[in-house]
Amino acid sequence: MKLSREEVEHVAMLARLALNDREKEEFRAQLSSILEYAEMISCLDTAHVEPTYHVLPLQNVSRPDEAREFLTWQEVLGNAPDRAGGYFKVPRIL
């Protein structure tokens, strides 16, 4: 599939890229080549291929959600570099 110059300019506008004429022609050729490879892949018979969600057989490794005791305010604020009352004191941004 050959891309036109207008299509490349449209893609560049969507990506907020400022391309000169040489770059537009270069990207037109590269993107056209990529789309030709995609067309070749779409011609393959994949009817008997199982869907793959990930190339590695990963399992969910997160721990179960269970209720635990909360930290006390003294424990929470114990590591604070600076505090005011019962709050963390942070530098002013504005």
PDB file of N, CA and C in Angstrom:
ATOM      1  N   MET A   1       0.856  -1.180   0.000  1.00  0.00           N
ATOM      2  CA  MET A   1       0.000   0.000   0.000  1.00  0.00           C
ATOM      3  C   MET A   1       0.891   1.228   0.000  1.00  0.00           C
ATOM      4  N   LYS A   2       0.762   2.015  -1.011  1.00  0.00           N
ATOM      5  CA  LYS A   2       1.548   3.238  -1.116  1.00  0.00           C
ATOM      6  C   LYS A   2       0.764   4.396  -0.501  1.00  0.00           C
ATOM      7  N   LEU A   3       1.425   5.122   0.356  1.00  0.00           N
ATOM      8  CA  LEU A   3       0.812   6.298   0.969  1.00  0.00           C
ATOM      9  C   LEU A   3       1.044   7.514   0.090  1.00  0.00           C
ATOM     10  N   SER A   4       0.093   8.391   0.079  1.00  0.00           N
ATOM     11  CA  SER A   4       0.261   9.640  -0.659  1.00  0.00           C
ATOM     12  C   SER A   4       0.935  10.664   0.249  1.00  0.00           C
ATOM     13  N   ARG A   5       1.416  11.712  -0.350  1.00  0.00           N
ATOM     14  CA  ARG A   5       2.059  12.785   0.406  1.00  0.00           C
ATOM     15  C   ARG A   5       1.064  13.441   1.366  1.00  0.00           C
ATOM     16  N   GLU A   6      -0.209  13.557   0.928  1.00  0.00           N
ATOM     17  CA  GLU A   6      -1.233  14.151   1.770  1.00  0.00           C
ATOM     18  C   GLU A   6      -1.492  13.308   3.012  1.00  0.00           C
ATOM     19  N   GLU A   7      -1.470  11.982   2.853  1.00  0.00           N
ATOM     20  CA  GLU A   7      -1.675  11.106   4.004  1.00  0.00           C
ATOM     21  C   GLU A   7      -0.530  11.238   5.008  1.00  0.00           C
ATOM     22  N   VAL A   8       0.690  11.353   4.506  1.00  0.00           N
ATOM     23  CA  VAL A   8       1.840  11.541   5.393  1.00  0.00           C
ATOM     24  C   VAL A   8       1.731  12.884   6.106  1.00  0.00           C
ATOM     25  N   GLU A   9       1.318  13.910   5.393  1.00  0.00           N
ATOM     26  CA  GLU A   9       1.145  15.223   6.023  1.00  0.00           C
ATOM     27  C   GLU A   9       0.056  15.167   7.095  1.00  0.00           C
ATOM     28  N   HIS A  10      -1.008  14.398   6.842  1.00  0.00           N
ATOM     29  CA  HIS A  10      -2.078  14.258   7.826  1.00  0.00           C
ATOM     30  C   HIS A  10      -1.581  13.545   9.081  1.00  0.00           C
ATOM     31  N   VAL A  11      -0.821  12.463   8.900  1.00  0.00           N
ATOM     32  CA  VAL A  11      -0.257  11.734  10.041  1.00  0.00           C
ATOM     33  C   VAL A  11       0.705  12.629  10.810  1.00  0.00           C
ATOM     34  N   ALA A  12       1.522  13.385  10.098  1.00  0.00           N
ATOM     35  CA  ALA A  12       2.465  14.296  10.751  1.00  0.00           C
ATOM     36  C   ALA A  12       1.728  15.375  11.537  1.00  0.00           C
ATOM     37  N   MET A  13       0.614  15.855  10.993  1.00  0.00           N
ATOM     38  CA  MET A  13      -0.177  16.863  11.707  1.00  0.00           C
ATOM     39  C   MET A  13      -0.782  16.262  12.981  1.00  0.00           C
ATOM     40  N   LEU A  14      -1.275  15.009  12.902  1.00  0.00           N
ATOM     41  CA  LEU A  14      -1.836  14.353  14.078  1.00  0.00           C
ATOM     42  C   LEU A  14      -0.781  14.128  15.151  1.00  0.00           C
ATOM     43  N   ALA A  15       0.455  13.839  14.720  1.00  0.00           N
ATOM     44  CA  ALA A  15       1.549  13.610  15.669  1.00  0.00           C
ATOM     45  C   ALA A  15       2.241  14.913  16.051  1.00  0.00           C
ATOM     46  N   ARG A  16       1.766  16.019  15.525  1.00  0.00           N
ATOM     47  CA  ARG A  16       2.340  17.341  15.800  1.00  0.00           C
ATOM     48  C   ARG A  16       3.821  17.393  15.428  1.00  0.00           C
ATOM     49  N   LEU A  17       4.130  16.857  14.220  1.00  0.00           N
ATOM     50  CA  LEU A  17       5.492  16.868  13.713  1.00  0.00           C
ATOM     51  C   LEU A  17       5.606  17.897  12.603  1.00  0.00           C
ATOM     52  N   ALA A  18       6.642  18.684  12.661  1.00  0.00           N
ATOM     53  CA  ALA A  18       6.928  19.642  11.587  1.00  0.00           C
ATOM     54  C   ALA A  18       7.971  19.000  10.687  1.00  0.00           C
ATOM     55  N   LEU A  19       7.540  18.567   9.501  1.00  0.00           N
ATOM     56  CA  LEU A  19       8.439  17.873   8.585  1.00  0.00           C
ATOM     57  C   LEU A  19       8.721  18.742   7.365  1.00  0.00           C
ATOM     58  N   ASN A  20       9.977  18.687   6.905  1.00  0.00           N
ATOM     59  CA  ASN A  20      10.292  19.374   5.653  1.00  0.00           C
ATOM     60  C   ASN A  20       9.998  18.418   4.492  1.00  0.00           C
ATOM     61  N   ASP A  21      10.177  18.892   3.263  1.00  0.00           N
ATOM     62  CA  ASP A  21       9.820  18.086   2.089  1.00  0.00           C
ATOM     63  C   ASP A  21      10.618  16.786   2.014  1.00  0.00           C
ATOM     64  N   ARG A  22      11.893  16.826   2.327  1.00  0.00           N
ATOM     65  CA  ARG A  22      12.732  15.633   2.282  1.00  0.00           C
ATOM     66  C   ARG A  22      12.256  14.602   3.298  1.00  0.00           C
ATOM     67  N   GLU A  23      11.921  15.060   4.505  1.00  0.00           N
ATOM     68  CA  GLU A  23      11.449  14.157   5.557  1.00  0.00           C
ATOM     69  C   GLU A  23      10.090  13.549   5.198  1.00  0.00           C
ATOM     70  N   LYS A  24       9.224  14.357   4.578  1.00  0.00           N
ATOM     71  CA  LYS A  24       7.920  13.838   4.173  1.00  0.00           C
ATOM     72  C   LYS A  24       8.073  12.704   3.169  1.00  0.00           C
ATOM     73  N   GLU A  25       8.969  12.871   2.215  1.00  0.00           N
ATOM     74  CA  GLU A  25       9.203  11.833   1.219  1.00  0.00           C
ATOM     75  C   GLU A  25       9.843  10.597   1.859  1.00  0.00           C
ATOM     76  N   GLU A  26      10.763  10.819   2.765  1.00  0.00           N
ATOM     77  CA  GLU A  26      11.424   9.715   3.463  1.00  0.00           C
ATOM     78  C   GLU A  26      10.417   8.922   4.299  1.00  0.00           C
ATOM     79  N   PHE A  27       9.568   9.623   5.041  1.00  0.00           N
ATOM     80  CA  PHE A  27       8.561   8.951   5.850  1.00  0.00           C
ATOM     81  C   PHE A  27       7.498   8.281   4.984  1.00  0.00           C
ATOM     82  N   ARG A  28       7.172   8.867   3.845  1.00  0.00           N
ATOM     83  CA  ARG A  28       6.209   8.253   2.942  1.00  0.00           C
ATOM     84  C   ARG A  28       6.720   6.884   2.501  1.00  0.00           C
ATOM     85  N   ALA A  29       7.991   6.810   2.138  1.00  0.00           N
ATOM     86  CA  ALA A  29       8.569   5.543   1.702  1.00  0.00           C
ATOM     87  C   ALA A  29       8.624   4.539   2.860  1.00  0.00           C
ATOM     88  N   GLN A  30       9.026   4.992   4.040  1.00  0.00           N
ATOM     89  CA  GLN A  30       9.146   4.086   5.182  1.00  0.00           C
ATOM     90  C   GLN A  30       7.776   3.572   5.632  1.00  0.00           C
ATOM     91  N   LEU A  31       6.805   4.462   5.734  1.00  0.00           N
ATOM     92  CA  LEU A  31       5.472   4.042   6.166  1.00  0.00           C
ATOM     93  C   LEU A  31       4.819   3.128   5.130  1.00  0.00           C
ATOM     94  N   SER A  32       5.049   3.392   3.861  1.00  0.00           N
ATOM     95  CA  SER A  32       4.512   2.525   2.812  1.00  0.00           C
ATOM     96  C   SER A  32       5.115   1.134   2.921  1.00  0.00           C
ATOM     97  N   SER A  33       6.405   1.060   3.197  1.00  0.00           N
ATOM     98  CA  SER A  33       7.076  -0.227   3.364  1.00  0.00           C
ATOM     99  C   SER A  33       6.508  -0.994   4.548  1.00  0.00           C
ATOM    100  N   ILE A  34       6.261  -0.309   5.655  1.00  0.00           N
ATOM    101  CA  ILE A  34       5.685  -0.949   6.839  1.00  0.00           C
ATOM    102  C   ILE A  34       4.297  -1.489   6.522  1.00  0.00           C
ATOM    103  N   LEU A  35       3.493  -0.716   5.811  1.00  0.00           N
ATOM    104  CA  LEU A  35       2.144  -1.162   5.471  1.00  0.00           C
ATOM    105  C   LEU A  35       2.162  -2.335   4.497  1.00  0.00           C
ATOM    106  N   GLU A  36       3.167  -2.402   3.618  1.00  0.00           N
ATOM    107  CA  GLU A  36       3.294  -3.542   2.710  1.00  0.00           C
ATOM    108  C   GLU A  36       3.589  -4.814   3.503  1.00  0.00           C
ATOM    109  N   TYR A  37       4.444  -4.721   4.514  1.00  0.00           N
ATOM    110  CA  TYR A  37       4.716  -5.876   5.364  1.00  0.00           C
ATOM    111  C   TYR A  37       3.459  -6.288   6.127  1.00  0.00           C
ATOM    112  N   ALA A  38       2.684  -5.331   6.597  1.00  0.00           N
ATOM    113  CA  ALA A  38       1.447  -5.649   7.306  1.00  0.00           C
ATOM    114  C   ALA A  38       0.467  -6.354   6.377  1.00  0.00           C
ATOM    115  N   GLU A  39       0.422  -5.971   5.109  1.00  0.00           N
ATOM    116  CA  GLU A  39      -0.442  -6.639   4.141  1.00  0.00           C
ATOM    117  C   GLU A  39       0.004  -8.075   3.931  1.00  0.00           C
ATOM    118  N   MET A  40       1.333  -8.304   3.883  1.00  0.00           N
ATOM    119  CA  MET A  40       1.848  -9.658   3.728  1.00  0.00           C
ATOM    120  C   MET A  40       1.429 -10.524   4.908  1.00  0.00           C
ATOM    121  N   ILE A  41       1.506  -9.981   6.114  1.00  0.00           N
ATOM    122  CA  ILE A  41       1.135 -10.731   7.310  1.00  0.00           C
ATOM    123  C   ILE A  41      -0.363 -11.016   7.329  1.00  0.00           C
ATOM    124  N   SER A  42      -1.166 -10.082   6.859  1.00  0.00           N
ATOM    125  CA  SER A  42      -2.619 -10.290   6.877  1.00  0.00           C
ATOM    126  C   SER A  42      -3.050 -11.376   5.896  1.00  0.00           C
ATOM    127  N   CYS A  43      -2.195 -11.752   4.948  1.00  0.00           N
ATOM    128  CA  CYS A  43      -2.516 -12.819   3.998  1.00  0.00           C
ATOM    129  C   CYS A  43      -2.306 -14.210   4.593  1.00  0.00           C
ATOM    130  N   LEU A  44      -1.652 -14.310   5.737  1.00  0.00           N
ATOM    131  CA  LEU A  44      -1.398 -15.602   6.361  1.00  0.00           C
ATOM    132  C   LEU A  44      -2.680 -16.188   6.926  1.00  0.00           C
ATOM    133  N   ASP A  45      -2.777 -17.528   6.868  1.00  0.00           N
ATOM    134  CA  ASP A  45      -3.935 -18.222   7.425  1.00  0.00           C
ATOM    135  C   ASP A  45      -3.704 -18.426   8.918  1.00  0.00           C
ATOM    136  N   THR A  46      -4.457 -17.736   9.727  1.00  0.00           N
ATOM    137  CA  THR A  46      -4.305 -17.831  11.187  1.00  0.00           C
ATOM    138  C   THR A  46      -5.554 -18.428  11.828  1.00  0.00           C
ATOM    139  N   ALA A  47      -6.328 -19.167  11.059  1.00  0.00           N
ATOM    140  CA  ALA A  47      -7.580 -19.719  11.575  1.00  0.00           C
ATOM    141  C   ALA A  47      -7.341 -20.724  12.694  1.00  0.00           C
ATOM    142  N   HIS A  48      -6.232 -21.460  12.637  1.00  0.00           N
ATOM    143  CA  HIS A  48      -5.971 -22.503  13.630  1.00  0.00           C
ATOM    144  C   HIS A  48      -4.925 -22.079  14.651  1.00  0.00           C
ATOM    145  N   VAL A  49      -4.661 -20.811  14.763  1.00  0.00           N
ATOM    146  CA  VAL A  49      -3.676 -20.309  15.719  1.00  0.00           C
ATOM    147  C   VAL A  49      -4.418 -19.748  16.929  1.00  0.00           C
ATOM    148  N   GLU A  50      -4.050 -20.251  18.097  1.00  0.00           N
ATOM    149  CA  GLU A  50      -4.680 -19.767  19.327  1.00  0.00           C
ATOM    150  C   GLU A  50      -4.265 -18.326  19.598  1.00  0.00           C
ATOM    151  N   PRO A  51      -5.179 -17.499  20.118  1.00  0.00           N
ATOM    152  CA  PRO A  51      -4.808 -16.120  20.446  1.00  0.00           C
ATOM    153  C   PRO A  51      -3.763 -16.093  21.559  1.00  0.00           C
ATOM    154  N   THR A  52      -2.806 -15.213  21.421  1.00  0.00           N
ATOM    155  CA  THR A  52      -1.749 -15.067  22.415  1.00  0.00           C
ATOM    156  C   THR A  52      -1.864 -13.685  23.034  1.00  0.00           C
ATOM    157  N   TYR A  53      -2.039 -13.664  24.336  1.00  0.00           N
ATOM    158  CA  TYR A  53      -2.158 -12.388  25.031  1.00  0.00           C
ATOM    159  C   TYR A  53      -0.800 -11.881  25.470  1.00  0.00           C
ATOM    160  N   HIS A  54       0.117 -12.821  25.676  1.00  0.00           N
ATOM    161  CA  HIS A  54       1.472 -12.452  26.063  1.00  0.00           C
ATOM    162  C   HIS A  54       2.386 -13.575  25.593  1.00  0.00           C
ATOM    163  N   VAL A  55       3.587 -13.245  25.204  1.00  0.00           N
ATOM    164  CA  VAL A  55       4.484 -14.265  24.681  1.00  0.00           C
ATOM    165  C   VAL A  55       5.011 -15.185  25.776  1.00  0.00           C
ATOM    166  N   LEU A  56       4.974 -14.753  27.012  1.00  0.00           N
ATOM    167  CA  LEU A  56       5.426 -15.573  28.130  1.00  0.00           C
ATOM    168  C   LEU A  56       4.222 -16.046  28.937  1.00  0.00           C
ATOM    169  N   PRO A  57       4.277 -17.254  29.486  1.00  0.00           N
ATOM    170  CA  PRO A  57       3.142 -17.739  30.284  1.00  0.00           C
ATOM    171  C   PRO A  57       3.142 -17.114  31.678  1.00  0.00           C
ATOM    172  N   LEU A  58       2.626 -15.912  31.785  1.00  0.00           N
ATOM    173  CA  LEU A  58       2.613 -15.201  33.057  1.00  0.00           C
ATOM    174  C   LEU A  58       1.365 -15.533  33.854  1.00  0.00           C
ATOM    175  N   GLN A  59       1.493 -15.503  35.149  1.00  0.00           N
ATOM    176  CA  GLN A  59       0.383 -15.699  36.053  1.00  0.00           C
ATOM    177  C   GLN A  59       0.220 -14.429  36.873  1.00  0.00           C
ATOM    178  N   ASN A  60      -0.950 -14.229  37.424  1.00  0.00           N
ATOM    179  CA  ASN A  60      -1.172 -13.079  38.282  1.00  0.00           C
ATOM    180  C   ASN A  60      -0.351 -13.274  39.549  1.00  0.00           C
ATOM    181  N   VAL A  61       0.543 -12.332  39.834  1.00  0.00           N
ATOM    182  CA  VAL A  61       1.448 -12.484  40.967  1.00  0.00           C
ATOM    183  C   VAL A  61       1.079 -11.569  42.122  1.00  0.00           C
ATOM    184  N   SER A  62      -0.067 -10.934  42.073  1.00  0.00           N
ATOM    185  CA  SER A  62      -0.443 -10.042  43.163  1.00  0.00           C
ATOM    186  C   SER A  62      -0.996 -10.855  44.328  1.00  0.00           C
ATOM    187  N   ARG A  63      -0.794 -10.335  45.500  1.00  0.00           N
ATOM    188  CA  ARG A  63      -1.254 -11.033  46.701  1.00  0.00           C
ATOM    189  C   ARG A  63      -2.746 -10.792  46.885  1.00  0.00           C
ATOM    190  N   PRO A  64      -3.413 -11.656  47.617  1.00  0.00           N
ATOM    191  CA  PRO A  64      -4.846 -11.438  47.845  1.00  0.00           C
ATOM    192  C   PRO A  64      -5.069 -10.199  48.710  1.00  0.00           C
ATOM    193  N   ASP A  65      -6.187  -9.563  48.481  1.00  0.00           N
ATOM    194  CA  ASP A  65      -6.537  -8.369  49.232  1.00  0.00           C
ATOM    195  C   ASP A  65      -7.108  -8.782  50.585  1.00  0.00           C
ATOM    196  N   GLU A  66      -6.440  -8.366  51.643  1.00  0.00           N
ATOM    197  CA  GLU A  66      -6.919  -8.713  52.973  1.00  0.00           C
ATOM    198  C   GLU A  66      -6.765  -7.516  53.898  1.00  0.00           C
ATOM    199  N   ALA A  67      -7.699  -7.403  54.828  1.00  0.00           N
ATOM    200  CA  ALA A  67      -7.682  -6.285  55.769  1.00  0.00           C
ATOM    201  C   ALA A  67      -6.585  -6.495  56.806  1.00  0.00           C
ATOM    202  N   ARG A  68      -5.864  -5.404  57.111  1.00  0.00           N
ATOM    203  CA  ARG A  68      -4.830  -5.446  58.138  1.00  0.00           C
ATOM    204  C   ARG A  68      -4.988  -4.226  59.026  1.00  0.00           C
ATOM    205  N   GLU A  69      -4.253  -4.216  60.122  1.00  0.00           N
ATOM    206  CA  GLU A  69      -4.326  -3.071  61.025  1.00  0.00           C
ATOM    207  C   GLU A  69      -3.659  -1.857  60.389  1.00  0.00           C
ATOM    208  N   PHE A  70      -4.231  -0.695  60.687  1.00  0.00           N
ATOM    209  CA  PHE A  70      -3.676   0.550  60.206  1.00  0.00           C
ATOM    210  C   PHE A  70      -2.530   0.994  61.108  1.00  0.00           C
ATOM    211  N   LEU A  71      -1.680   1.840  60.544  1.00  0.00           N
ATOM    212  CA  LEU A  71      -0.640   2.467  61.358  1.00  0.00           C
ATOM    213  C   LEU A  71      -1.265   3.585  62.183  1.00  0.00           C
ATOM    214  N   THR A  72      -0.699   3.849  63.328  1.00  0.00           N
ATOM    215  CA  THR A  72      -1.175   4.977  64.129  1.00  0.00           C
ATOM    216  C   THR A  72      -0.593   6.261  63.551  1.00  0.00           C
ATOM    217  N   TRP A  73      -1.178   7.401  63.926  1.00  0.00           N
ATOM    218  CA  TRP A  73      -0.675   8.691  63.440  1.00  0.00           C
ATOM    219  C   TRP A  73       0.771   8.909  63.882  1.00  0.00           C
ATOM    220  N   GLN A  74       1.115   8.456  65.058  1.00  0.00           N
ATOM    221  CA  GLN A  74       2.481   8.614  65.540  1.00  0.00           C
ATOM    222  C   GLN A  74       3.452   7.803  64.672  1.00  0.00           C
ATOM    223  N   GLU A  75       3.050   6.611  64.254  1.00  0.00           N
ATOM    224  CA  GLU A  75       3.903   5.791  63.391  1.00  0.00           C
ATOM    225  C   GLU A  75       4.017   6.405  62.001  1.00  0.00           C
ATOM    226  N   VAL A  76       2.922   6.934  61.504  1.00  0.00           N
ATOM    227  CA  VAL A  76       2.931   7.541  60.169  1.00  0.00           C
ATOM    228  C   VAL A  76       3.818   8.776  60.153  1.00  0.00           C
ATOM    229  N   LEU A  77       3.630   9.659  61.121  1.00  0.00           N
ATOM    230  CA  LEU A  77       4.392  10.909  61.156  1.00  0.00           C
ATOM    231  C   LEU A  77       5.789  10.729  61.740  1.00  0.00           C
ATOM    232  N   GLY A  78       6.099   9.553  62.248  1.00  0.00           N
ATOM    233  CA  GLY A  78       7.395   9.318  62.857  1.00  0.00           C
ATOM    234  C   GLY A  78       8.555   9.477  61.892  1.00  0.00           C
ATOM    235  N   ASN A  79       8.365   9.182  60.624  1.00  0.00           N
ATOM    236  CA  ASN A  79       9.427   9.303  59.627  1.00  0.00           C
ATOM    237  C   ASN A  79       9.353  10.596  58.831  1.00  0.00           C
ATOM    238  N   ALA A  80       8.424  11.458  59.156  1.00  0.00           N
ATOM    239  CA  ALA A  80       8.280  12.715  58.417  1.00  0.00           C
ATOM    240  C   ALA A  80       9.458  13.631  58.732  1.00  0.00           C
ATOM    241  N   PRO A  81      10.086  14.226  57.717  1.00  0.00           N
ATOM    242  CA  PRO A  81      11.186  15.135  57.983  1.00  0.00           C
ATOM    243  C   PRO A  81      10.738  16.411  58.689  1.00  0.00           C
ATOM    244  N   ASP A  82       9.497  16.820  58.442  1.00  0.00           N
ATOM    245  CA  ASP A  82       8.970  18.025  59.081  1.00  0.00           C
ATOM    246  C   ASP A  82       7.461  17.865  59.207  1.00  0.00           C
ATOM    247  N   ARG A  83       6.920  18.291  60.331  1.00  0.00           N
ATOM    248  CA  ARG A  83       5.480  18.171  60.522  1.00  0.00           C
ATOM    249  C   ARG A  83       4.968  19.363  61.319  1.00  0.00           C
ATOM    250  N   ALA A  84       3.698  19.639  61.130  1.00  0.00           N
ATOM    251  CA  ALA A  84       3.044  20.721  61.856  1.00  0.00           C
ATOM    252  C   ALA A  84       1.745  20.162  62.396  1.00  0.00           C
ATOM    253  N   GLY A  85       1.643  20.054  63.689  1.00  0.00           N
ATOM    254  CA  GLY A  85       0.458  19.458  64.297  1.00  0.00           C
ATOM    255  C   GLY A  85       0.412  17.984  63.943  1.00  0.00           C
ATOM    256  N   GLY A  86      -0.687  17.541  63.420  1.00  0.00           N
ATOM    257  CA  GLY A  86      -0.823  16.150  63.011  1.00  0.00           C
ATOM    258  C   GLY A  86      -0.709  15.965  61.518  1.00  0.00           C
ATOM    259  N   TYR A  87       0.024  16.859  60.828  1.00  0.00           N
ATOM    260  CA  TYR A  87       0.105  16.826  59.371  1.00  0.00           C
ATOM    261  C   TYR A  87       1.557  16.837  58.916  1.00  0.00           C
ATOM    262  N   PHE A  88       1.784  16.359  57.681  1.00  0.00           N
ATOM    263  CA  PHE A  88       3.084  16.507  57.048  1.00  0.00           C
ATOM    264  C   PHE A  88       3.256  17.958  56.648  1.00  0.00           C
ATOM    265  N   LYS A  89       4.430  18.511  56.886  1.00  0.00           N
ATOM    266  CA  LYS A  89       4.714  19.871  56.444  1.00  0.00           C
ATOM    267  C   LYS A  89       5.561  19.781  55.186  1.00  0.00           C
ATOM    268  N   VAL A  90       5.075  20.372  54.104  1.00  0.00           N
ATOM    269  CA  VAL A  90       5.763  20.324  52.818  1.00  0.00           C
ATOM    270  C   VAL A  90       6.091  21.726  52.369  1.00  0.00           C
ATOM    271  N   PRO A  91       7.088  21.885  51.484  1.00  0.00           N
ATOM    272  CA  PRO A  91       7.426  23.226  51.009  1.00  0.00           C
ATOM    273  C   PRO A  91       6.292  23.825  50.191  1.00  0.00           C
ATOM    274  N   ARG A  92       6.168  25.109  50.274  1.00  0.00           N
ATOM    275  CA  ARG A  92       5.140  25.828  49.513  1.00  0.00           C
ATOM    276  C   ARG A  92       5.521  25.788  48.034  1.00  0.00           C
ATOM    277  N   ILE A  93       4.548  25.517  47.177  1.00  0.00           N
ATOM    278  CA  ILE A  93       4.809  25.432  45.742  1.00  0.00           C
ATOM    279  C   ILE A  93       4.700  26.789  45.067  1.00  0.00           C
ATOM    280  N   LEU A  94       3.717  27.555  45.428  1.00  0.00           N
ATOM    281  CA  LEU A  94       3.515  28.855  44.774  1.00  0.00           C
ATOM    282  C   LEU A  94       4.150  29.959  45.580  1.00  0.00           C
TER     283      LEU A  94
END
